[in-house]
Amino acid sequence: MRRGIASILGIALLAGVGPGALPQTSPAAPPSAETMALARKVAARDDFFVMIETAASSQIGQIETGLGDLTPEQKVKAEAIAKAKLADGMNRIVDLMAEAYAARFTPDQLRAIDTFLQTPAGAAYSQRLISLLPTLQNLKGFDLSKDTLAETCVQIGKGCPAKAAPKPADTK
């Protein structure tokens, strides 16, 4: 599936990471219908949904078990309810991701992303990207704000915790 890149972009954009996280100088105009359609197309192309469907299958089984003894009809009904709720949730995720994409990418950029995702290289990239996420665990302990403040405290005496403000390091 060619959905990994859209998933990563979506999660990052919804979390406020990336160019859209920078302060904007003026309020953005609402995206055009064309931009929203392109954004939905990119957002709907996502391995994230495959992962959700896989996890949901297990959860549906757990829900059914939690409901106790079910007749075959009740089991079918419970599964249908769960699948409808899953579809609704997935549609809401696509909507949120599309809004985030539309706010941050131009129609030309969205077309380019979509075109790339349809190529063999794009498919390979998105299929493998999701498997690279565990490497981000290597960033554990990285806190830009905390690390910067600690270093500015040492070097220029600013950003120090309230009780310990050392004198700036000699810059000679």
N, C-alpha and C. Protein backbone atom coordinates (compact mmCIF):
# COMPACT_ATOMS: atom_id res chain seq x y z
N MET A 1 0.83 -1.18 0.00
CA MET A 1 0.00 0.00 0.00
C MET A 1 0.87 1.25 0.00
N ARG A 2 0.32 2.33 -0.52
CA ARG A 2 1.06 3.58 -0.64
C ARG A 2 0.63 4.58 0.40
N ARG A 3 0.41 4.15 1.58
CA ARG A 3 -0.21 5.03 2.55
C ARG A 3 0.72 5.53 3.63
N GLY A 4 1.89 4.98 3.79
CA GLY A 4 2.78 5.34 4.89
C GLY A 4 3.14 6.80 4.94
N ILE A 5 3.50 7.38 3.81
CA ILE A 5 3.92 8.78 3.79
C ILE A 5 2.78 9.69 4.21
N ALA A 6 1.60 9.42 3.73
CA ALA A 6 0.46 10.25 4.11
C ALA A 6 0.21 10.14 5.61
N SER A 7 0.38 8.95 6.14
CA SER A 7 0.20 8.75 7.57
C SER A 7 1.19 9.57 8.37
N ILE A 8 2.46 9.48 7.99
CA ILE A 8 3.50 10.23 8.70
C ILE A 8 3.24 11.72 8.58
N LEU A 9 2.94 12.19 7.37
CA LEU A 9 2.65 13.61 7.19
C LEU A 9 1.45 14.01 8.02
N GLY A 10 0.43 13.18 8.01
CA GLY A 10 -0.78 13.50 8.76
C GLY A 10 -0.53 13.60 10.24
N ILE A 11 0.14 12.63 10.79
CA ILE A 11 0.43 12.64 12.22
C ILE A 11 1.28 13.84 12.57
N ALA A 12 2.32 14.09 11.78
CA ALA A 12 3.20 15.23 12.06
C ALA A 12 2.46 16.55 11.94
N LEU A 13 1.64 16.69 10.91
CA LEU A 13 0.92 17.94 10.73
C LEU A 13 -0.12 18.16 11.80
N LEU A 14 -0.84 17.11 12.17
CA LEU A 14 -1.85 17.25 13.21
C LEU A 14 -1.21 17.54 14.56
N ALA A 15 0.01 17.06 14.74
CA ALA A 15 0.73 17.32 15.98
C ALA A 15 1.35 18.70 15.99
N GLY A 16 1.30 19.39 14.86
CA GLY A 16 1.85 20.74 14.79
C GLY A 16 3.31 20.77 14.42
N VAL A 17 3.83 19.70 13.85
CA VAL A 17 5.22 19.64 13.45
C VAL A 17 5.32 20.04 11.98
N GLY A 18 6.37 20.70 11.62
CA GLY A 18 6.59 21.04 10.23
C GLY A 18 6.30 22.49 9.94
N PRO A 19 6.33 22.85 8.67
CA PRO A 19 6.19 24.24 8.29
C PRO A 19 4.93 24.90 8.83
N GLY A 20 3.85 24.16 8.93
CA GLY A 20 2.61 24.74 9.44
C GLY A 20 2.67 25.10 10.90
N ALA A 21 3.67 24.61 11.63
CA ALA A 21 3.79 24.91 13.05
C ALA A 21 4.39 26.29 13.26
N LEU A 22 4.97 26.88 12.23
CA LEU A 22 5.56 28.20 12.35
C LEU A 22 4.46 29.24 12.44
N PRO A 23 4.73 30.33 13.17
CA PRO A 23 3.70 31.37 13.27
C PRO A 23 3.36 31.92 11.89
N GLN A 24 2.11 32.14 11.65
CA GLN A 24 1.69 32.70 10.37
C GLN A 24 1.53 34.20 10.52
N THR A 25 1.87 34.92 9.46
CA THR A 25 1.82 36.38 9.52
C THR A 25 0.40 36.90 9.32
N SER A 26 -0.42 36.18 8.61
CA SER A 26 -1.81 36.61 8.41
C SER A 26 -2.69 35.37 8.39
N PRO A 27 -3.96 35.54 8.74
CA PRO A 27 -4.85 34.38 8.72
C PRO A 27 -4.95 33.81 7.31
N ALA A 28 -4.91 32.50 7.23
CA ALA A 28 -4.99 31.84 5.93
C ALA A 28 -6.43 31.80 5.46
N ALA A 29 -6.61 31.96 4.17
CA ALA A 29 -7.94 31.84 3.58
C ALA A 29 -8.34 30.38 3.62
N PRO A 30 -9.63 30.09 3.71
CA PRO A 30 -10.05 28.68 3.70
C PRO A 30 -9.59 28.03 2.40
N PRO A 31 -9.21 26.76 2.46
CA PRO A 31 -8.76 26.09 1.24
C PRO A 31 -9.90 25.97 0.22
N SER A 32 -9.51 25.97 -1.02
CA SER A 32 -10.50 25.83 -2.10
C SER A 32 -11.03 24.39 -2.12
N ALA A 33 -12.12 24.21 -2.83
CA ALA A 33 -12.69 22.87 -2.99
C ALA A 33 -11.68 21.95 -3.68
N GLU A 34 -10.95 22.49 -4.65
CA GLU A 34 -9.93 21.70 -5.35
C GLU A 34 -8.84 21.25 -4.37
N THR A 35 -8.38 22.17 -3.54
CA THR A 35 -7.33 21.84 -2.56
C THR A 35 -7.84 20.77 -1.59
N MET A 36 -9.07 20.92 -1.11
CA MET A 36 -9.62 19.93 -0.18
C MET A 36 -9.76 18.57 -0.85
N ALA A 37 -10.19 18.55 -2.10
CA ALA A 37 -10.33 17.27 -2.80
C ALA A 37 -8.97 16.59 -2.96
N LEU A 38 -7.96 17.36 -3.34
CA LEU A 38 -6.62 16.80 -3.47
C LEU A 38 -6.09 16.34 -2.11
N ALA A 39 -6.33 17.13 -1.08
CA ALA A 39 -5.87 16.78 0.27
C ALA A 39 -6.54 15.50 0.76
N ARG A 40 -7.83 15.35 0.50
CA ARG A 40 -8.54 14.11 0.89
C ARG A 40 -7.98 12.92 0.13
N LYS A 41 -7.64 13.11 -1.15
CA LYS A 41 -7.10 12.01 -1.95
C LYS A 41 -5.77 11.54 -1.36
N VAL A 42 -4.91 12.49 -0.98
CA VAL A 42 -3.62 12.13 -0.38
C VAL A 42 -3.84 11.50 1.00
N ALA A 43 -4.71 12.10 1.80
CA ALA A 43 -4.96 11.60 3.15
C ALA A 43 -5.55 10.20 3.15
N ALA A 44 -6.38 9.90 2.17
CA ALA A 44 -7.04 8.59 2.13
C ALA A 44 -6.10 7.47 1.71
N ARG A 45 -4.93 7.79 1.25
CA ARG A 45 -3.93 6.84 0.78
C ARG A 45 -2.98 6.57 1.93
N ASP A 46 -3.41 5.77 2.89
CA ASP A 46 -2.61 5.69 4.09
C ASP A 46 -2.52 4.30 4.72
N ASP A 47 -1.29 3.83 4.95
CA ASP A 47 -1.08 2.56 5.65
C ASP A 47 -1.60 2.61 7.08
N PHE A 48 -1.71 3.81 7.60
CA PHE A 48 -2.23 4.01 8.94
C PHE A 48 -3.60 3.32 9.06
N PHE A 49 -4.39 3.40 8.00
CA PHE A 49 -5.72 2.79 8.03
C PHE A 49 -5.64 1.27 8.04
N VAL A 50 -4.66 0.72 7.39
CA VAL A 50 -4.47 -0.73 7.42
C VAL A 50 -4.14 -1.16 8.85
N MET A 51 -3.28 -0.38 9.51
CA MET A 51 -2.95 -0.69 10.90
C MET A 51 -4.19 -0.59 11.79
N ILE A 52 -5.00 0.43 11.57
CA ILE A 52 -6.22 0.61 12.36
C ILE A 52 -7.16 -0.58 12.14
N GLU A 53 -7.33 -0.98 10.88
CA GLU A 53 -8.21 -2.10 10.58
C GLU A 53 -7.72 -3.38 11.24
N THR A 54 -6.41 -3.59 11.23
CA THR A 54 -5.84 -4.78 11.86
C THR A 54 -6.09 -4.75 13.36
N ALA A 55 -5.80 -3.62 13.98
CA ALA A 55 -6.02 -3.49 15.42
C ALA A 55 -7.51 -3.59 15.74
N ALA A 56 -8.34 -3.03 14.88
CA ALA A 56 -9.78 -3.04 15.12
C ALA A 56 -10.34 -4.46 15.09
N SER A 57 -9.81 -5.31 14.23
CA SER A 57 -10.29 -6.70 14.18
C SER A 57 -10.11 -7.36 15.54
N SER A 58 -8.96 -7.13 16.14
CA SER A 58 -8.70 -7.68 17.47
C SER A 58 -9.63 -7.06 18.51
N GLN A 59 -9.81 -5.75 18.42
CA GLN A 59 -10.68 -5.07 19.38
C GLN A 59 -12.13 -5.51 19.24
N ILE A 60 -12.57 -5.73 18.02
CA ILE A 60 -13.95 -6.18 17.81
C ILE A 60 -14.15 -7.53 18.49
N GLY A 61 -13.18 -8.40 18.35
CA GLY A 61 -13.25 -9.70 19.04
C GLY A 61 -13.31 -9.53 20.54
N GLN A 62 -12.52 -8.62 21.09
CA GLN A 62 -12.52 -8.36 22.53
C GLN A 62 -13.85 -7.77 22.98
N ILE A 63 -14.40 -6.88 22.16
CA ILE A 63 -15.70 -6.28 22.49
C ILE A 63 -16.76 -7.37 22.54
N GLU A 64 -16.75 -8.23 21.53
CA GLU A 64 -17.74 -9.32 21.49
C GLU A 64 -17.59 -10.22 22.71
N THR A 65 -16.36 -10.52 23.09
CA THR A 65 -16.12 -11.34 24.28
C THR A 65 -16.65 -10.63 25.51
N GLY A 66 -16.40 -9.33 25.59
CA GLY A 66 -16.86 -8.54 26.73
C GLY A 66 -18.37 -8.43 26.83
N LEU A 67 -19.05 -8.65 25.72
CA LEU A 67 -20.51 -8.59 25.74
C LEU A 67 -21.14 -9.86 26.30
N GLY A 68 -20.32 -10.86 26.52
CA GLY A 68 -20.84 -12.12 27.07
C GLY A 68 -21.36 -13.02 25.98
N ASP A 69 -22.23 -13.94 26.38
CA ASP A 69 -22.78 -14.89 25.41
C ASP A 69 -23.68 -14.17 24.42
N LEU A 70 -23.33 -14.30 23.14
CA LEU A 70 -24.11 -13.68 22.08
C LEU A 70 -24.68 -14.76 21.18
N THR A 71 -25.90 -14.53 20.74
CA THR A 71 -26.45 -15.42 19.73
C THR A 71 -25.73 -15.09 18.43
N PRO A 72 -25.79 -15.95 17.44
CA PRO A 72 -25.16 -15.63 16.15
C PRO A 72 -25.67 -14.30 15.57
N GLU A 73 -26.95 -14.03 15.73
CA GLU A 73 -27.52 -12.78 15.22
C GLU A 73 -26.94 -11.57 15.98
N GLN A 74 -26.83 -11.71 17.30
CA GLN A 74 -26.28 -10.62 18.10
C GLN A 74 -24.80 -10.38 17.76
N LYS A 75 -24.09 -11.46 17.51
CA LYS A 75 -22.68 -11.33 17.15
C LYS A 75 -22.54 -10.57 15.83
N VAL A 76 -23.38 -10.93 14.84
CA VAL A 76 -23.36 -10.25 13.55
C VAL A 76 -23.70 -8.77 13.75
N LYS A 77 -24.70 -8.48 14.58
CA LYS A 77 -25.12 -7.11 14.83
C LYS A 77 -24.00 -6.33 15.54
N ALA A 78 -23.37 -6.93 16.54
CA ALA A 78 -22.29 -6.26 17.28
C ALA A 78 -21.12 -5.96 16.34
N GLU A 79 -20.80 -6.90 15.47
CA GLU A 79 -19.71 -6.70 14.51
C GLU A 79 -20.06 -5.59 13.52
N ALA A 80 -21.30 -5.55 13.08
CA ALA A 80 -21.74 -4.51 12.14
C ALA A 80 -21.66 -3.13 12.80
N ILE A 81 -22.05 -3.05 14.06
CA ILE A 81 -21.97 -1.78 14.80
C ILE A 81 -20.52 -1.34 14.91
N ALA A 82 -19.65 -2.27 15.28
CA ALA A 82 -18.23 -1.94 15.43
C ALA A 82 -17.62 -1.49 14.10
N LYS A 83 -17.95 -2.19 13.03
CA LYS A 83 -17.41 -1.81 11.71
C LYS A 83 -17.92 -0.44 11.27
N ALA A 84 -19.18 -0.13 11.57
CA ALA A 84 -19.73 1.19 11.23
C ALA A 84 -19.02 2.28 12.03
N LYS A 85 -18.77 2.01 13.30
CA LYS A 85 -18.05 2.98 14.14
C LYS A 85 -16.63 3.16 13.64
N LEU A 86 -16.00 2.08 13.22
CA LEU A 86 -14.63 2.14 12.67
C LEU A 86 -14.61 2.98 11.40
N ALA A 87 -15.56 2.74 10.50
CA ALA A 87 -15.62 3.51 9.25
C ALA A 87 -15.82 4.99 9.55
N ASP A 88 -16.69 5.30 10.50
CA ASP A 88 -16.92 6.70 10.87
C ASP A 88 -15.63 7.33 11.42
N GLY A 89 -14.95 6.60 12.27
CA GLY A 89 -13.69 7.11 12.83
C GLY A 89 -12.64 7.32 11.76
N MET A 90 -12.56 6.40 10.83
CA MET A 90 -11.57 6.54 9.75
C MET A 90 -11.91 7.73 8.86
N ASN A 91 -13.19 7.96 8.60
CA ASN A 91 -13.60 9.12 7.82
C ASN A 91 -13.23 10.42 8.54
N ARG A 92 -13.39 10.43 9.85
CA ARG A 92 -13.01 11.63 10.61
C ARG A 92 -11.52 11.86 10.55
N ILE A 93 -10.73 10.78 10.58
CA ILE A 93 -9.27 10.92 10.48
C ILE A 93 -8.90 11.48 9.10
N VAL A 94 -9.51 10.96 8.06
CA VAL A 94 -9.24 11.47 6.71
C VAL A 94 -9.59 12.95 6.65
N ASP A 95 -10.74 13.33 7.22
CA ASP A 95 -11.15 14.73 7.21
C ASP A 95 -10.12 15.61 7.93
N LEU A 96 -9.68 15.17 9.10
CA LEU A 96 -8.68 15.95 9.86
C LEU A 96 -7.36 16.05 9.11
N MET A 97 -6.93 14.92 8.55
CA MET A 97 -5.67 14.93 7.80
C MET A 97 -5.80 15.81 6.56
N ALA A 98 -6.93 15.73 5.88
CA ALA A 98 -7.15 16.54 4.68
C ALA A 98 -7.12 18.02 5.03
N GLU A 99 -7.76 18.39 6.13
CA GLU A 99 -7.73 19.79 6.56
C GLU A 99 -6.30 20.24 6.85
N ALA A 100 -5.54 19.38 7.51
CA ALA A 100 -4.14 19.73 7.81
C ALA A 100 -3.32 19.85 6.54
N TYR A 101 -3.49 18.92 5.62
CA TYR A 101 -2.76 18.99 4.35
C TYR A 101 -3.15 20.23 3.56
N ALA A 102 -4.47 20.49 3.46
CA ALA A 102 -4.96 21.62 2.68
C ALA A 102 -4.45 22.95 3.25
N ALA A 103 -4.27 23.01 4.55
CA ALA A 103 -3.79 24.24 5.18
C ALA A 103 -2.29 24.44 4.97
N ARG A 104 -1.58 23.38 4.62
CA ARG A 104 -0.13 23.47 4.57
C ARG A 104 0.49 23.27 3.18
N PHE A 105 -0.30 22.72 2.25
CA PHE A 105 0.22 22.45 0.92
C PHE A 105 -0.64 23.14 -0.13
N THR A 106 0.00 23.55 -1.20
CA THR A 106 -0.73 24.12 -2.33
C THR A 106 -1.31 22.98 -3.16
N PRO A 107 -2.27 23.29 -4.03
CA PRO A 107 -2.79 22.24 -4.92
C PRO A 107 -1.67 21.58 -5.74
N ASP A 108 -0.73 22.37 -6.24
CA ASP A 108 0.37 21.79 -7.01
C ASP A 108 1.21 20.83 -6.16
N GLN A 109 1.46 21.20 -4.91
CA GLN A 109 2.22 20.31 -4.03
C GLN A 109 1.45 19.03 -3.74
N LEU A 110 0.15 19.15 -3.50
CA LEU A 110 -0.67 17.96 -3.25
C LEU A 110 -0.70 17.05 -4.48
N ARG A 111 -0.80 17.65 -5.67
CA ARG A 111 -0.77 16.83 -6.88
C ARG A 111 0.57 16.11 -6.99
N ALA A 112 1.65 16.81 -6.69
CA ALA A 112 2.98 16.20 -6.77
C ALA A 112 3.12 15.07 -5.76
N ILE A 113 2.62 15.26 -4.56
CA ILE A 113 2.66 14.21 -3.53
C ILE A 113 1.87 13.00 -4.01
N ASP A 114 0.66 13.25 -4.50
CA ASP A 114 -0.18 12.16 -4.99
C ASP A 114 0.49 11.43 -6.15
N THR A 115 1.03 12.19 -7.09
CA THR A 115 1.72 11.59 -8.25
C THR A 115 2.89 10.74 -7.78
N PHE A 116 3.68 11.27 -6.87
CA PHE A 116 4.81 10.52 -6.33
C PHE A 116 4.34 9.22 -5.67
N LEU A 117 3.30 9.30 -4.87
CA LEU A 117 2.82 8.11 -4.16
C LEU A 117 2.32 7.03 -5.11
N GLN A 118 1.97 7.42 -6.33
CA GLN A 118 1.50 6.45 -7.33
C GLN A 118 2.64 5.79 -8.11
N THR A 119 3.86 6.30 -7.97
CA THR A 119 5.00 5.72 -8.68
C THR A 119 5.54 4.53 -7.91
N PRO A 120 6.31 3.66 -8.56
CA PRO A 120 6.94 2.56 -7.83
C PRO A 120 7.83 3.06 -6.68
N ALA A 121 8.56 4.15 -6.93
CA ALA A 121 9.41 4.71 -5.87
C ALA A 121 8.56 5.23 -4.72
N GLY A 122 7.45 5.91 -5.04
CA GLY A 122 6.56 6.43 -4.00
C GLY A 122 5.93 5.31 -3.19
N ALA A 123 5.53 4.25 -3.89
CA ALA A 123 4.95 3.10 -3.20
C ALA A 123 5.98 2.45 -2.28
N ALA A 124 7.20 2.29 -2.77
CA ALA A 124 8.26 1.69 -1.95
C ALA A 124 8.57 2.57 -0.75
N TYR A 125 8.64 3.88 -1.00
CA TYR A 125 8.93 4.83 0.09
C TYR A 125 7.86 4.75 1.17
N SER A 126 6.60 4.85 0.77
CA SER A 126 5.54 4.86 1.78
C SER A 126 5.41 3.52 2.48
N GLN A 127 5.65 2.41 1.76
CA GLN A 127 5.57 1.10 2.39
C GLN A 127 6.66 0.92 3.44
N ARG A 128 7.82 1.49 3.18
CA ARG A 128 8.95 1.31 4.11
C ARG A 128 8.99 2.38 5.19
N LEU A 129 8.41 3.52 4.92
CA LEU A 129 8.49 4.62 5.87
C LEU A 129 7.91 4.24 7.22
N ILE A 130 6.77 3.59 7.22
CA ILE A 130 6.14 3.23 8.47
C ILE A 130 7.03 2.30 9.29
N SER A 131 7.80 1.45 8.61
CA SER A 131 8.70 0.53 9.33
C SER A 131 9.90 1.26 9.92
N LEU A 132 10.14 2.48 9.47
CA LEU A 132 11.26 3.25 10.00
C LEU A 132 10.90 4.01 11.27
N LEU A 133 9.64 4.08 11.60
CA LEU A 133 9.23 4.83 12.79
C LEU A 133 9.94 4.40 14.06
N PRO A 134 10.18 3.10 14.27
CA PRO A 134 10.88 2.72 15.49
C PRO A 134 12.26 3.39 15.65
N THR A 135 12.88 3.79 14.55
CA THR A 135 14.18 4.47 14.67
C THR A 135 14.04 5.81 15.37
N LEU A 136 12.84 6.37 15.38
CA LEU A 136 12.62 7.63 16.07
C LEU A 136 12.77 7.47 17.58
N GLN A 137 12.68 6.25 18.07
CA GLN A 137 12.88 6.01 19.49
C GLN A 137 14.29 6.40 19.91
N ASN A 138 15.21 6.44 18.94
CA ASN A 138 16.57 6.86 19.24
C ASN A 138 16.62 8.32 19.67
N LEU A 139 15.55 9.05 19.44
CA LEU A 139 15.50 10.45 19.85
C LEU A 139 15.02 10.61 21.28
N LYS A 140 14.76 9.50 21.97
CA LYS A 140 14.33 9.59 23.36
C LYS A 140 15.30 10.47 24.12
N GLY A 141 14.75 11.32 24.92
CA GLY A 141 15.60 12.20 25.71
C GLY A 141 15.95 13.48 24.99
N PHE A 142 15.62 13.59 23.71
CA PHE A 142 15.89 14.83 22.98
C PHE A 142 14.75 15.79 23.26
N ASP A 143 15.07 16.89 23.86
CA ASP A 143 14.09 17.93 24.14
C ASP A 143 14.73 19.24 23.76
N LEU A 144 14.42 19.74 22.58
CA LEU A 144 15.07 20.93 22.06
C LEU A 144 15.00 22.09 23.03
N SER A 145 13.84 22.34 23.57
CA SER A 145 13.68 23.46 24.49
C SER A 145 14.55 23.28 25.73
N LYS A 146 14.46 22.13 26.35
CA LYS A 146 15.24 21.86 27.57
C LYS A 146 16.74 21.91 27.28
N ASP A 147 17.16 21.26 26.19
CA ASP A 147 18.58 21.21 25.86
C ASP A 147 19.12 22.60 25.52
N THR A 148 18.33 23.38 24.78
CA THR A 148 18.76 24.73 24.42
C THR A 148 18.86 25.61 25.66
N LEU A 149 17.85 25.56 26.52
CA LEU A 149 17.89 26.37 27.74
C LEU A 149 19.06 25.99 28.63
N ALA A 150 19.36 24.70 28.73
CA ALA A 150 20.50 24.26 29.54
C ALA A 150 21.80 24.84 28.99
N GLU A 151 21.93 24.82 27.67
CA GLU A 151 23.17 25.33 27.06
C GLU A 151 23.24 26.85 27.12
N THR A 152 22.10 27.54 26.91
CA THR A 152 22.14 29.00 27.01
C THR A 152 22.42 29.42 28.44
N CYS A 153 21.98 28.63 29.41
CA CYS A 153 22.28 28.91 30.81
C CYS A 153 23.79 28.88 31.03
N VAL A 154 24.45 27.86 30.48
CA VAL A 154 25.89 27.71 30.63
C VAL A 154 26.65 28.80 29.88
N GLN A 155 26.24 29.04 28.63
CA GLN A 155 27.03 29.94 27.78
C GLN A 155 26.74 31.42 27.96
N ILE A 156 25.47 31.77 28.21
CA ILE A 156 25.17 33.20 28.31
C ILE A 156 24.42 33.58 29.59
N GLY A 157 24.21 32.61 30.48
CA GLY A 157 23.56 32.91 31.75
C GLY A 157 22.07 33.19 31.64
N LYS A 158 21.43 32.79 30.54
CA LYS A 158 19.99 33.00 30.34
C LYS A 158 19.29 31.66 30.19
N GLY A 159 18.04 31.60 30.66
CA GLY A 159 17.26 30.37 30.55
C GLY A 159 17.56 29.39 31.67
N CYS A 160 18.24 29.87 32.70
CA CYS A 160 18.63 28.99 33.82
C CYS A 160 17.44 28.73 34.73
N PRO A 161 17.45 27.58 35.39
CA PRO A 161 16.43 27.34 36.41
C PRO A 161 16.53 28.46 37.45
N ALA A 162 15.44 28.77 38.10
CA ALA A 162 15.35 29.91 39.01
C ALA A 162 16.45 29.96 40.06
N LYS A 163 16.89 28.82 40.57
CA LYS A 163 17.85 28.86 41.67
C LYS A 163 19.30 28.86 41.25
N ALA A 164 19.63 28.49 40.03
CA ALA A 164 21.03 28.41 39.64
C ALA A 164 21.27 29.14 38.34
N ALA A 165 21.78 30.34 38.45
CA ALA A 165 22.10 31.11 37.24
C ALA A 165 23.60 31.41 37.23
N PRO A 166 24.39 30.52 36.62
CA PRO A 166 25.83 30.76 36.61
C PRO A 166 26.18 31.95 35.73
N LYS A 167 27.38 32.46 35.96
CA LYS A 167 27.86 33.56 35.13
C LYS A 167 28.17 33.01 33.74
N PRO A 168 27.95 33.83 32.70
CA PRO A 168 28.23 33.39 31.33
C PRO A 168 29.66 32.91 31.19
N ALA A 169 29.84 31.90 30.34
CA ALA A 169 31.19 31.37 30.07
C ALA A 169 32.01 32.47 29.42
N ASP A 170 33.29 32.46 29.72
CA ASP A 170 34.21 33.45 29.13
C ASP A 170 34.30 33.19 27.65
N THR A 171 34.08 34.21 26.83
CA THR A 171 34.05 34.02 25.38
C THR A 171 35.34 34.50 24.71
N LYS A 172 36.40 34.70 25.47
CA LYS A 172 37.67 35.17 24.91
C LYS A 172 38.32 34.13 24.05
